[in-house]
């Protein structure tokens, strides 16, 4: 699978996601294209906060369930109703 066909080109920022993989899902766009959504749960900032989960999109899974990961992601703004307005894509450059 080609990264140039999967990863959108309209990125403006990068961020670091460091946490534990909790799930991986394959998203099939058509017969030849698709990508993986890896769910990463990060530790809470203090004892009163809840852990946050982020979805990192990539051409392949970034880890297995239970595996710790530390990745740099590209942030993409999207316009989807009833959803967060950003997507994270693995920086595969």
PDB file of N, CA and C in Angstrom:
ATOM      1  N   UNK A   1       0.848  -1.175   0.000  1.00  0.00           N
ATOM      2  CA  UNK A   1       0.000   0.000   0.000  1.00  0.00           C
ATOM      3  C   UNK A   1       0.889   1.232   0.000  1.00  0.00           C
ATOM      4  N   UNK A   2       0.573   2.196  -0.812  1.00  0.00           N
ATOM      5  CA  UNK A   2       1.371   3.406  -0.934  1.00  0.00           C
ATOM      6  C   UNK A   2       0.951   4.450   0.091  1.00  0.00           C
ATOM      7  N   UNK A   3       1.921   5.022   0.791  1.00  0.00           N
ATOM      8  CA  UNK A   3       1.631   6.040   1.792  1.00  0.00           C
ATOM      9  C   UNK A   3       1.079   7.293   1.125  1.00  0.00           C
ATOM     10  N   UNK A   4       1.552   7.615  -0.063  1.00  0.00           N
ATOM     11  CA  UNK A   4       1.094   8.827  -0.734  1.00  0.00           C
ATOM     12  C   UNK A   4      -0.386   8.762  -1.075  1.00  0.00           C
ATOM     13  N   UNK A   5      -0.932   7.574  -1.264  1.00  0.00           N
ATOM     14  CA  UNK A   5      -2.362   7.435  -1.545  1.00  0.00           C
ATOM     15  C   UNK A   5      -3.191   7.416  -0.265  1.00  0.00           C
ATOM     16  N   UNK A   6      -2.578   7.082   0.857  1.00  0.00           N
ATOM     17  CA  UNK A   6      -3.303   6.929   2.114  1.00  0.00           C
ATOM     18  C   UNK A   6      -3.289   8.191   2.956  1.00  0.00           C
ATOM     19  N   UNK A   7      -2.148   8.809   3.094  1.00  0.00           N
ATOM     20  CA  UNK A   7      -1.984   9.929   4.015  1.00  0.00           C
ATOM     21  C   UNK A   7      -2.314  11.243   3.320  1.00  0.00           C
ATOM     22  N   UNK A   8      -3.300  11.987   3.833  1.00  0.00           N
ATOM     23  CA  UNK A   8      -3.621  13.292   3.257  1.00  0.00           C
ATOM     24  C   UNK A   8      -2.444  14.252   3.384  1.00  0.00           C
ATOM     25  N   UNK A   9      -2.407  15.268   2.542  1.00  0.00           N
ATOM     26  CA  UNK A   9      -1.249  16.166   2.505  1.00  0.00           C
ATOM     27  C   UNK A   9      -1.474  17.498   3.210  1.00  0.00           C
ATOM     28  N   UNK A  10      -2.647  17.737   3.779  1.00  0.00           N
ATOM     29  CA  UNK A  10      -2.946  19.041   4.372  1.00  0.00           C
ATOM     30  C   UNK A  10      -2.726  19.045   5.885  1.00  0.00           C
ATOM     31  N   UNK A  11      -1.463  18.947   6.299  1.00  0.00           N
ATOM     32  CA  UNK A  11      -1.103  18.937   7.708  1.00  0.00           C
ATOM     33  C   UNK A  11      -0.434  20.243   8.093  1.00  0.00           C
ATOM     34  N   UNK A  12      -0.627  20.669   9.335  1.00  0.00           N
ATOM     35  CA  UNK A  12      -0.052  21.918   9.780  1.00  0.00           C
ATOM     36  C   UNK A  12       0.803  21.768  11.040  1.00  0.00           C
ATOM     37  N   UNK A  13       0.496  20.781  11.892  1.00  0.00           N
ATOM     38  CA  UNK A  13       1.181  20.611  13.169  1.00  0.00           C
ATOM     39  C   UNK A  13       1.579  19.157  13.379  1.00  0.00           C
ATOM     40  N   UNK A  14       2.500  18.952  14.332  1.00  0.00           N
ATOM     41  CA  UNK A  14       2.880  17.603  14.751  1.00  0.00           C
ATOM     42  C   UNK A  14       2.707  17.515  16.259  1.00  0.00           C
ATOM     43  N   UNK A  15       2.490  16.287  16.751  1.00  0.00           N
ATOM     44  CA  UNK A  15       2.417  16.044  18.182  1.00  0.00           C
ATOM     45  C   UNK A  15       3.013  14.678  18.492  1.00  0.00           C
ATOM     46  N   UNK A  16       3.372  14.483  19.741  1.00  0.00           N
ATOM     47  CA  UNK A  16       3.922  13.209  20.191  1.00  0.00           C
ATOM     48  C   UNK A  16       2.858  12.499  21.018  1.00  0.00           C
ATOM     49  N   UNK A  17       2.616  11.225  20.699  1.00  0.00           N
ATOM     50  CA  UNK A  17       1.680  10.389  21.439  1.00  0.00           C
ATOM     51  C   UNK A  17       2.490   9.250  22.072  1.00  0.00           C
ATOM     52  N   UNK A  18       2.427   9.163  23.400  1.00  0.00           N
ATOM     53  CA  UNK A  18       3.169   8.131  24.124  1.00  0.00           C
ATOM     54  C   UNK A  18       2.189   7.430  25.057  1.00  0.00           C
ATOM     55  N   UNK A  19       1.933   6.135  24.787  1.00  0.00           N
ATOM     56  CA  UNK A  19       0.980   5.400  25.596  1.00  0.00           C
ATOM     57  C   UNK A  19       0.953   3.931  25.237  1.00  0.00           C
ATOM     58  N   UNK A  20      -0.176   3.294  25.530  1.00  0.00           N
ATOM     59  CA  UNK A  20      -0.342   1.850  25.340  1.00  0.00           C
ATOM     60  C   UNK A  20      -1.412   1.584  24.287  1.00  0.00           C
ATOM     61  N   UNK A  21      -1.112   0.694  23.345  1.00  0.00           N
ATOM     62  CA  UNK A  21      -2.085   0.320  22.313  1.00  0.00           C
ATOM     63  C   UNK A  21      -3.213  -0.472  22.965  1.00  0.00           C
ATOM     64  N   UNK A  22      -4.459  -0.042  22.721  1.00  0.00           N
ATOM     65  CA  UNK A  22      -5.611  -0.744  23.286  1.00  0.00           C
ATOM     66  C   UNK A  22      -6.469  -1.418  22.230  1.00  0.00           C
ATOM     67  N   UNK A  23      -6.301  -1.058  20.943  1.00  0.00           N
ATOM     68  CA  UNK A  23      -7.080  -1.690  19.869  1.00  0.00           C
ATOM     69  C   UNK A  23      -6.501  -1.261  18.531  1.00  0.00           C
ATOM     70  N   UNK A  24      -6.674  -2.109  17.516  1.00  0.00           N
ATOM     71  CA  UNK A  24      -6.268  -1.792  16.143  1.00  0.00           C
ATOM     72  C   UNK A  24      -7.395  -2.205  15.220  1.00  0.00           C
ATOM     73  N   UNK A  25      -7.800  -1.302  14.321  1.00  0.00           N
ATOM     74  CA  UNK A  25      -8.861  -1.603  13.355  1.00  0.00           C
ATOM     75  C   UNK A  25      -8.392  -1.274  11.949  1.00  0.00           C
ATOM     76  N   UNK A  26      -8.698  -2.166  10.995  1.00  0.00           N
ATOM     77  CA  UNK A  26      -8.382  -1.909   9.587  1.00  0.00           C
ATOM     78  C   UNK A  26      -9.568  -1.201   8.954  1.00  0.00           C
ATOM     79  N   UNK A  27      -9.313  -0.101   8.276  1.00  0.00           N
ATOM     80  CA  UNK A  27     -10.339   0.665   7.580  1.00  0.00           C
ATOM     81  C   UNK A  27     -10.117   0.477   6.085  1.00  0.00           C
ATOM     82  N   UNK A  28     -11.059  -0.161   5.428  1.00  0.00           N
ATOM     83  CA  UNK A  28     -10.942  -0.439   3.998  1.00  0.00           C
ATOM     84  C   UNK A  28     -11.676   0.653   3.222  1.00  0.00           C
ATOM     85  N   UNK A  29     -10.941   1.391   2.391  1.00  0.00           N
ATOM     86  CA  UNK A  29     -11.542   2.461   1.591  1.00  0.00           C
ATOM     87  C   UNK A  29     -12.140   1.914   0.301  1.00  0.00           C
ATOM     88  N   UNK A  30     -11.433   1.001  -0.330  1.00  0.00           N
ATOM     89  CA  UNK A  30     -11.905   0.312  -1.537  1.00  0.00           C
ATOM     90  C   UNK A  30     -11.076  -0.969  -1.674  1.00  0.00           C
ATOM     91  N   UNK A  31     -11.137  -1.614  -2.819  1.00  0.00           N
ATOM     92  CA  UNK A  31     -10.432  -2.894  -2.997  1.00  0.00           C
ATOM     93  C   UNK A  31      -8.918  -2.776  -2.875  1.00  0.00           C
ATOM     94  N   UNK A  32      -8.344  -1.601  -3.181  1.00  0.00           N
ATOM     95  CA  UNK A  32      -6.893  -1.455  -3.187  1.00  0.00           C
ATOM     96  C   UNK A  32      -6.353  -0.502  -2.121  1.00  0.00           C
ATOM     97  N   UNK A  33      -7.211   0.251  -1.490  1.00  0.00           N
ATOM     98  CA  UNK A  33      -6.734   1.237  -0.527  1.00  0.00           C
ATOM     99  C   UNK A  33      -7.370   1.035   0.841  1.00  0.00           C
ATOM    100  N   UNK A  34      -6.614   1.401   1.858  1.00  0.00           N
ATOM    101  CA  UNK A  34      -7.098   1.328   3.220  1.00  0.00           C
ATOM    102  C   UNK A  34      -6.020   1.805   4.171  1.00  0.00           C
ATOM    103  N   UNK A  35      -6.337   1.823   5.455  1.00  0.00           N
ATOM    104  CA  UNK A  35      -5.372   2.230   6.460  1.00  0.00           C
ATOM    105  C   UNK A  35      -5.766   1.600   7.792  1.00  0.00           C
ATOM    106  N   UNK A  36      -4.941   1.763   8.794  1.00  0.00           N
ATOM    107  CA  UNK A  36      -5.197   1.204  10.118  1.00  0.00           C
ATOM    108  C   UNK A  36      -5.416   2.331  11.117  1.00  0.00           C
ATOM    109  N   UNK A  37      -6.365   2.109  12.028  1.00  0.00           N
ATOM    110  CA  UNK A  37      -6.595   3.005  13.151  1.00  0.00           C
ATOM    111  C   UNK A  37      -6.101   2.286  14.394  1.00  0.00           C
ATOM    112  N   UNK A  38      -5.090   2.858  15.032  1.00  0.00           N
ATOM    113  CA  UNK A  38      -4.547   2.286  16.256  1.00  0.00           C
ATOM    114  C   UNK A  38      -4.987   3.166  17.421  1.00  0.00           C
ATOM    115  N   UNK A  39      -5.663   2.566  18.400  1.00  0.00           N
ATOM    116  CA  UNK A  39      -6.141   3.290  19.581  1.00  0.00           C
ATOM    117  C   UNK A  39      -5.038   3.260  20.629  1.00  0.00           C
ATOM    118  N   UNK A  40      -4.606   4.437  21.078  1.00  0.00           N
ATOM    119  CA  UNK A  40      -3.523   4.553  22.053  1.00  0.00           C
ATOM    120  C   UNK A  40      -4.060   5.285  23.280  1.00  0.00           C
ATOM    121  N   UNK A  41      -3.971   4.633  24.438  1.00  0.00           N
ATOM    122  CA  UNK A  41      -4.394   5.253  25.696  1.00  0.00           C
ATOM    123  C   UNK A  41      -3.156   5.791  26.398  1.00  0.00           C
ATOM    124  N   UNK A  42      -3.224   7.080  26.756  1.00  0.00           N
ATOM    125  CA  UNK A  42      -2.101   7.729  27.437  1.00  0.00           C
ATOM    126  C   UNK A  42      -2.411   7.818  28.924  1.00  0.00           C
ATOM    127  N   UNK A  43      -1.391   7.827  29.775  1.00  0.00           N
ATOM    128  CA  UNK A  43      -1.631   7.897  31.213  1.00  0.00           C
ATOM    129  C   UNK A  43      -2.273   9.229  31.606  1.00  0.00           C
ATOM    130  N   UNK A  44      -3.047   9.226  32.688  1.00  0.00           N
ATOM    131  CA  UNK A  44      -3.627  10.493  33.161  1.00  0.00           C
ATOM    132  C   UNK A  44      -2.529  11.426  33.667  1.00  0.00           C
ATOM    133  N   UNK A  45      -2.822  12.728  33.633  1.00  0.00           N
ATOM    134  CA  UNK A  45      -1.819  13.711  34.061  1.00  0.00           C
ATOM    135  C   UNK A  45      -1.641  13.745  35.573  1.00  0.00           C
ATOM    136  N   UNK A  46      -2.671  13.346  36.328  1.00  0.00           N
ATOM    137  CA  UNK A  46      -2.556  13.279  37.784  1.00  0.00           C
ATOM    138  C   UNK A  46      -3.530  12.232  38.317  1.00  0.00           C
ATOM    139  N   UNK A  47      -3.574  12.051  39.604  1.00  0.00           N
ATOM    140  CA  UNK A  47      -4.396  10.990  40.195  1.00  0.00           C
ATOM    141  C   UNK A  47      -5.892  11.241  40.088  1.00  0.00           C
ATOM    142  N   UNK A  48      -6.312  12.443  39.733  1.00  0.00           N
ATOM    143  CA  UNK A  48      -7.731  12.779  39.641  1.00  0.00           C
ATOM    144  C   UNK A  48      -8.250  12.787  38.202  1.00  0.00           C
ATOM    145  N   UNK A  49      -7.369  12.691  37.251  1.00  0.00           N
ATOM    146  CA  UNK A  49      -7.748  12.743  35.838  1.00  0.00           C
ATOM    147  C   UNK A  49      -7.983  11.332  35.300  1.00  0.00           C
ATOM    148  N   UNK A  50      -8.738  11.253  34.219  1.00  0.00           N
ATOM    149  CA  UNK A  50      -8.960   9.991  33.519  1.00  0.00           C
ATOM    150  C   UNK A  50      -7.948   9.870  32.384  1.00  0.00           C
ATOM    151  N   UNK A  51      -7.543   8.652  32.033  1.00  0.00           N
ATOM    152  CA  UNK A  51      -6.652   8.504  30.880  1.00  0.00           C
ATOM    153  C   UNK A  51      -7.389   8.888  29.598  1.00  0.00           C
ATOM    154  N   UNK A  52      -6.662   9.406  28.637  1.00  0.00           N
ATOM    155  CA  UNK A  52      -7.237   9.775  27.336  1.00  0.00           C
ATOM    156  C   UNK A  52      -6.840   8.746  26.299  1.00  0.00           C
ATOM    157  N   UNK A  53      -7.704   8.542  25.313  1.00  0.00           N
ATOM    158  CA  UNK A  53      -7.407   7.630  24.211  1.00  0.00           C
ATOM    159  C   UNK A  53      -7.396   8.417  22.912  1.00  0.00           C
ATOM    160  N   UNK A  54      -6.354   8.204  22.118  1.00  0.00           N
ATOM    161  CA  UNK A  54      -6.208   8.857  20.827  1.00  0.00           C
ATOM    162  C   UNK A  54      -6.209   7.790  19.740  1.00  0.00           C
ATOM    163  N   UNK A  55      -6.683   8.148  18.561  1.00  0.00           N
ATOM    164  CA  UNK A  55      -6.650   7.255  17.410  1.00  0.00           C
ATOM    165  C   UNK A  55      -5.567   7.758  16.472  1.00  0.00           C
ATOM    166  N   UNK A  56      -4.609   6.877  16.160  1.00  0.00           N
ATOM    167  CA  UNK A  56      -3.533   7.220  15.247  1.00  0.00           C
ATOM    168  C   UNK A  56      -3.733   6.427  13.962  1.00  0.00           C
ATOM    169  N   UNK A  57      -3.897   7.127  12.842  1.00  0.00           N
ATOM    170  CA  UNK A  57      -4.073   6.495  11.535  1.00  0.00           C
ATOM    171  C   UNK A  57      -2.711   6.288  10.885  1.00  0.00           C
ATOM    172  N   UNK A  58      -2.545   5.143  10.210  1.00  0.00           N
ATOM    173  CA  UNK A  58      -1.278   4.845   9.539  1.00  0.00           C
ATOM    174  C   UNK A  58      -1.513   3.771   8.485  1.00  0.00           C
ATOM    175  N   UNK A  59      -0.519   3.587   7.615  1.00  0.00           N
ATOM    176  CA  UNK A  59      -0.641   2.577   6.564  1.00  0.00           C
ATOM    177  C   UNK A  59      -0.509   1.161   7.120  1.00  0.00           C
ATOM    178  N   UNK A  60       0.010   1.023   8.355  1.00  0.00           N
ATOM    179  CA  UNK A  60       0.080  -0.281   9.028  1.00  0.00           C
ATOM    180  C   UNK A  60      -0.103  -0.031  10.526  1.00  0.00           C
ATOM    181  N   UNK A  61      -0.451  -1.058  11.303  1.00  0.00           N
ATOM    182  CA  UNK A  61      -0.611  -0.861  12.739  1.00  0.00           C
ATOM    183  C   UNK A  61       0.693  -0.361  13.365  1.00  0.00           C
ATOM    184  N   UNK A  62       0.597   0.517  14.359  1.00  0.00           N
ATOM    185  CA  UNK A  62       1.822   1.021  14.993  1.00  0.00           C
ATOM    186  C   UNK A  62       2.242   0.172  16.184  1.00  0.00           C
ATOM    187  N   UNK A  63       1.433  -0.820  16.530  1.00  0.00           N
ATOM    188  CA  UNK A  63       1.773  -1.716  17.626  1.00  0.00           C
ATOM    189  C   UNK A  63       0.680  -2.743  17.848  1.00  0.00           C
ATOM    190  N   UNK A  64       0.946  -3.677  18.728  1.00  0.00           N
ATOM    191  CA  UNK A  64      -0.009  -4.725  19.085  1.00  0.00           C
ATOM    192  C   UNK A  64      -0.721  -4.344  20.374  1.00  0.00           C
ATOM    193  N   UNK A  65      -1.882  -4.950  20.637  1.00  0.00           N
ATOM    194  CA  UNK A  65      -2.606  -4.687  21.885  1.00  0.00           C
ATOM    195  C   UNK A  65      -1.679  -4.875  23.088  1.00  0.00           C
ATOM    196  N   UNK A  66      -1.679  -3.885  23.992  1.00  0.00           N
ATOM    197  CA  UNK A  66      -0.871  -3.947  25.191  1.00  0.00           C
ATOM    198  C   UNK A  66       0.542  -3.433  25.035  1.00  0.00           C
ATOM    199  N   UNK A  67       0.955  -3.133  23.807  1.00  0.00           N
ATOM    200  CA  UNK A  67       2.316  -2.672  23.554  1.00  0.00           C
ATOM    201  C   UNK A  67       2.429  -1.158  23.802  1.00  0.00           C
ATOM    202  N   UNK A  68       3.520  -0.743  24.458  1.00  0.00           N
ATOM    203  CA  UNK A  68       3.790   0.680  24.638  1.00  0.00           C
ATOM    204  C   UNK A  68       4.358   1.253  23.343  1.00  0.00           C
ATOM    205  N   UNK A  69       3.891   2.457  22.965  1.00  0.00           N
ATOM    206  CA  UNK A  69       4.368   3.118  21.753  1.00  0.00           C
ATOM    207  C   UNK A  69       4.708   4.569  22.078  1.00  0.00           C
ATOM    208  N   UNK A  70       5.573   5.134  21.280  1.00  0.00           N
ATOM    209  CA  UNK A  70       5.978   6.535  21.379  1.00  0.00           C
ATOM    210  C   UNK A  70       6.176   7.007  19.949  1.00  0.00           C
ATOM    211  N   UNK A  71       5.204   7.752  19.409  1.00  0.00           N
ATOM    212  CA  UNK A  71       5.219   8.112  17.992  1.00  0.00           C
ATOM    213  C   UNK A  71       4.992   9.608  17.798  1.00  0.00           C
ATOM    214  N   UNK A  72       5.481  10.116  16.683  1.00  0.00           N
ATOM    215  CA  UNK A  72       5.221  11.489  16.248  1.00  0.00           C
ATOM    216  C   UNK A  72       4.094  11.417  15.221  1.00  0.00           C
ATOM    217  N   UNK A  73       3.067  12.252  15.422  1.00  0.00           N
ATOM    218  CA  UNK A  73       1.901  12.251  14.545  1.00  0.00           C
ATOM    219  C   UNK A  73       1.701  13.611  13.897  1.00  0.00           C
ATOM    220  N   UNK A  74       1.171  13.587  12.705  1.00  0.00           N
ATOM    221  CA  UNK A  74       0.756  14.796  12.004  1.00  0.00           C
ATOM    222  C   UNK A  74      -0.693  15.065  12.366  1.00  0.00           C
ATOM    223  N   UNK A  75      -1.033  16.320  12.600  1.00  0.00           N
ATOM    224  CA  UNK A  75      -2.396  16.686  12.981  1.00  0.00           C
ATOM    225  C   UNK A  75      -3.107  17.255  11.766  1.00  0.00           C
ATOM    226  N   UNK A  76      -4.273  16.685  11.455  1.00  0.00           N
ATOM    227  CA  UNK A  76      -5.069  17.136  10.308  1.00  0.00           C
ATOM    228  C   UNK A  76      -6.423  17.610  10.810  1.00  0.00           C
ATOM    229  N   UNK A  77      -6.829  18.777  10.376  1.00  0.00           N
ATOM    230  CA  UNK A  77      -8.138  19.309  10.723  1.00  0.00           C
ATOM    231  C   UNK A  77      -9.189  18.698   9.796  1.00  0.00           C
ATOM    232  N   UNK A  78     -10.305  18.233  10.372  1.00  0.00           N
ATOM    233  CA  UNK A  78     -11.402  17.665   9.573  1.00  0.00           C
ATOM    234  C   UNK A  78     -12.715  18.278  10.035  1.00  0.00           C
ATOM    235  N   UNK A  79     -13.717  18.175   9.218  1.00  0.00           N
ATOM    236  CA  UNK A  79     -15.017  18.734   9.531  1.00  0.00           C
ATOM    237  C   UNK A  79     -16.049  17.612   9.567  1.00  0.00           C
ATOM    238  N   UNK A  80     -16.177  16.945  10.719  1.00  0.00           N
ATOM    239  CA  UNK A  80     -17.110  15.833  10.890  1.00  0.00           C
ATOM    240  C   UNK A  80     -18.069  16.192  12.023  1.00  0.00           C
ATOM    241  N   UNK A  81     -19.379  16.199  11.771  1.00  0.00           N
ATOM    242  CA  UNK A  81     -20.332  16.513  12.837  1.00  0.00           C
ATOM    243  C   UNK A  81     -20.251  15.508  13.987  1.00  0.00           C
ATOM    244  N   UNK A  82     -20.470  15.985  15.212  1.00  0.00           N
ATOM    245  CA  UNK A  82     -20.501  15.155  16.416  1.00  0.00           C
ATOM    246  C   UNK A  82     -19.208  14.381  16.642  1.00  0.00           C
ATOM    247  N   UNK A  83     -18.086  14.968  16.290  1.00  0.00           N
ATOM    248  CA  UNK A  83     -16.804  14.291  16.431  1.00  0.00           C
ATOM    249  C   UNK A  83     -15.738  15.340  16.690  1.00  0.00           C
ATOM    250  N   UNK A  84     -14.601  14.915  17.266  1.00  0.00           N
ATOM    251  CA  UNK A  84     -13.475  15.833  17.399  1.00  0.00           C
ATOM    252  C   UNK A  84     -13.068  16.304  16.017  1.00  0.00           C
ATOM    253  N   UNK A  85     -12.568  17.488  15.928  1.00  0.00           N
ATOM    254  CA  UNK A  85     -12.269  18.073  14.629  1.00  0.00           C
ATOM    255  C   UNK A  85     -10.806  17.951  14.215  1.00  0.00           C
ATOM    256  N   UNK A  86     -10.124  16.889  14.677  1.00  0.00           N
ATOM    257  CA  UNK A  86      -8.770  16.623  14.211  1.00  0.00           C
ATOM    258  C   UNK A  86      -8.603  15.130  13.955  1.00  0.00           C
ATOM    259  N   UNK A  87      -7.640  14.806  13.113  1.00  0.00           N
ATOM    260  CA  UNK A  87      -7.218  13.425  12.901  1.00  0.00           C
ATOM    261  C   UNK A  87      -5.710  13.385  13.116  1.00  0.00           C
ATOM    262  N   UNK A  88      -5.214  12.282  13.666  1.00  0.00           N
ATOM    263  CA  UNK A  88      -3.782  12.085  13.847  1.00  0.00           C
ATOM    264  C   UNK A  88      -3.319  11.031  12.865  1.00  0.00           C
ATOM    265  N   UNK A  89      -2.266  11.338  12.110  1.00  0.00           N
ATOM    266  CA  UNK A  89      -1.671  10.416  11.162  1.00  0.00           C
ATOM    267  C   UNK A  89      -0.207  10.231  11.529  1.00  0.00           C
ATOM    268  N   UNK A  90       0.258   8.995  11.541  1.00  0.00           N
ATOM    269  CA  UNK A  90       1.649   8.698  11.853  1.00  0.00           C
ATOM    270  C   UNK A  90       2.549   9.441  10.879  1.00  0.00           C
ATOM    271  N   UNK A  91       3.577  10.107  11.387  1.00  0.00           N
ATOM    272  CA  UNK A  91       4.561  10.787  10.542  1.00  0.00           C
ATOM    273  C   UNK A  91       5.501   9.729   9.987  1.00  0.00           C
ATOM    274  N   UNK A  92       5.250   9.290   8.762  1.00  0.00           N
ATOM    275  CA  UNK A  92       6.027   8.216   8.149  1.00  0.00           C
ATOM    276  C   UNK A  92       7.119   8.740   7.246  1.00  0.00           C
ATOM    277  N   UNK A  93       7.458  10.016   7.411  1.00  0.00           N
ATOM    278  CA  UNK A  93       8.515  10.597   6.547  1.00  0.00           C
ATOM    279  C   UNK A  93       9.890  10.323   7.081  1.00  0.00           C
TER     280      UNK A  93
END
